[in-house]
Protein backbone atom coordinates (compact mmCIF):
# COMPACT_ATOMS: atom_id res chain seq x y z
CA MET A 1 60.10 166.86 63.30
CA SER A 2 57.60 168.16 60.77
CA ASN A 3 59.27 166.02 58.10
CA LEU A 4 58.42 162.88 60.08
CA LEU A 5 54.78 163.87 60.20
CA LEU A 6 54.81 163.81 56.41
CA LEU A 7 57.12 160.86 55.78
CA ILE A 8 55.54 158.34 58.19
CA PRO A 9 52.08 158.38 56.51
CA ILE A 10 53.72 158.22 53.08
CA ALA A 11 55.80 155.21 54.15
CA LEU A 12 52.74 153.48 55.62
CA PHE A 13 50.75 154.16 52.45
CA LEU A 14 53.52 152.77 50.21
CA GLY A 15 53.86 149.71 52.44
CA LEU A 16 50.12 149.04 52.26
CA LEU A 17 50.19 149.62 48.52
CA GLY A 18 52.97 147.04 48.13
CA LEU A 19 51.12 144.57 50.34
CA GLY A 20 47.97 145.08 48.30
CA ALA A 21 49.86 144.49 45.05
CA PHE A 22 51.38 141.31 46.46
CA LEU A 23 48.00 140.00 47.64
CA TRP A 24 46.44 140.84 44.27
CA ALA A 25 49.20 138.94 42.46
CA LEU A 26 48.77 136.02 44.84
CA LYS A 27 45.01 135.93 44.29
CA SER A 28 45.29 136.22 40.49
CA GLY A 29 47.53 133.13 40.25
CA GLN A 30 50.91 134.70 39.50
CA PHE A 31 52.70 132.24 41.78
CA ASP A 32 50.85 129.01 40.90
CA ASP A 33 53.47 127.42 38.63
CA MET A 34 56.87 128.18 40.12
CA ASP A 35 58.71 125.27 38.45
CA GLY A 36 57.16 125.42 34.98
CA ALA A 37 59.18 128.32 33.63
CA ALA A 38 62.36 127.04 35.24
CA ASN A 39 61.99 123.60 33.65
CA ARG A 40 60.73 124.85 30.29
CA ILE A 41 64.16 126.17 29.35
CA LEU A 42 65.62 122.66 29.63
CA PHE A 43 63.49 121.21 26.83
CA ASP A 44 64.37 121.94 23.21
CA ASP A 45 61.25 122.32 21.07
CA ASP A 46 63.13 123.30 17.91
CA GLU A 47 64.12 119.75 16.86
CA ASN A 48 60.99 119.11 14.76
CA VAL A 49 60.99 122.44 12.94
CA ALA A 50 61.56 122.09 9.21
CA PRO A 51 64.35 124.27 7.81
CA LYS A 52 63.26 127.26 5.77
CA ASN A 53 63.82 127.29 2.03
CA ASN A 54 66.46 129.99 2.10
CA PRO A 55 68.41 130.27 -1.16
CA GLY A 56 71.00 132.54 0.45
CA PRO A 57 72.58 135.70 -0.91
CA LYS A 58 72.97 136.08 -4.68
């Protein structure tokens, strides 16, 4: 029984800490662009890159 008196406040504190971290991330704009990163992988930006002048091994 004495373990519960210690574990319940710790669990409540960790839950509130997680909720606070989630609200902070929400307020700071972490979840504003949910589709940007998912769509960015579909576009290839390497087409216009000039090849390096690599003479190769000698």
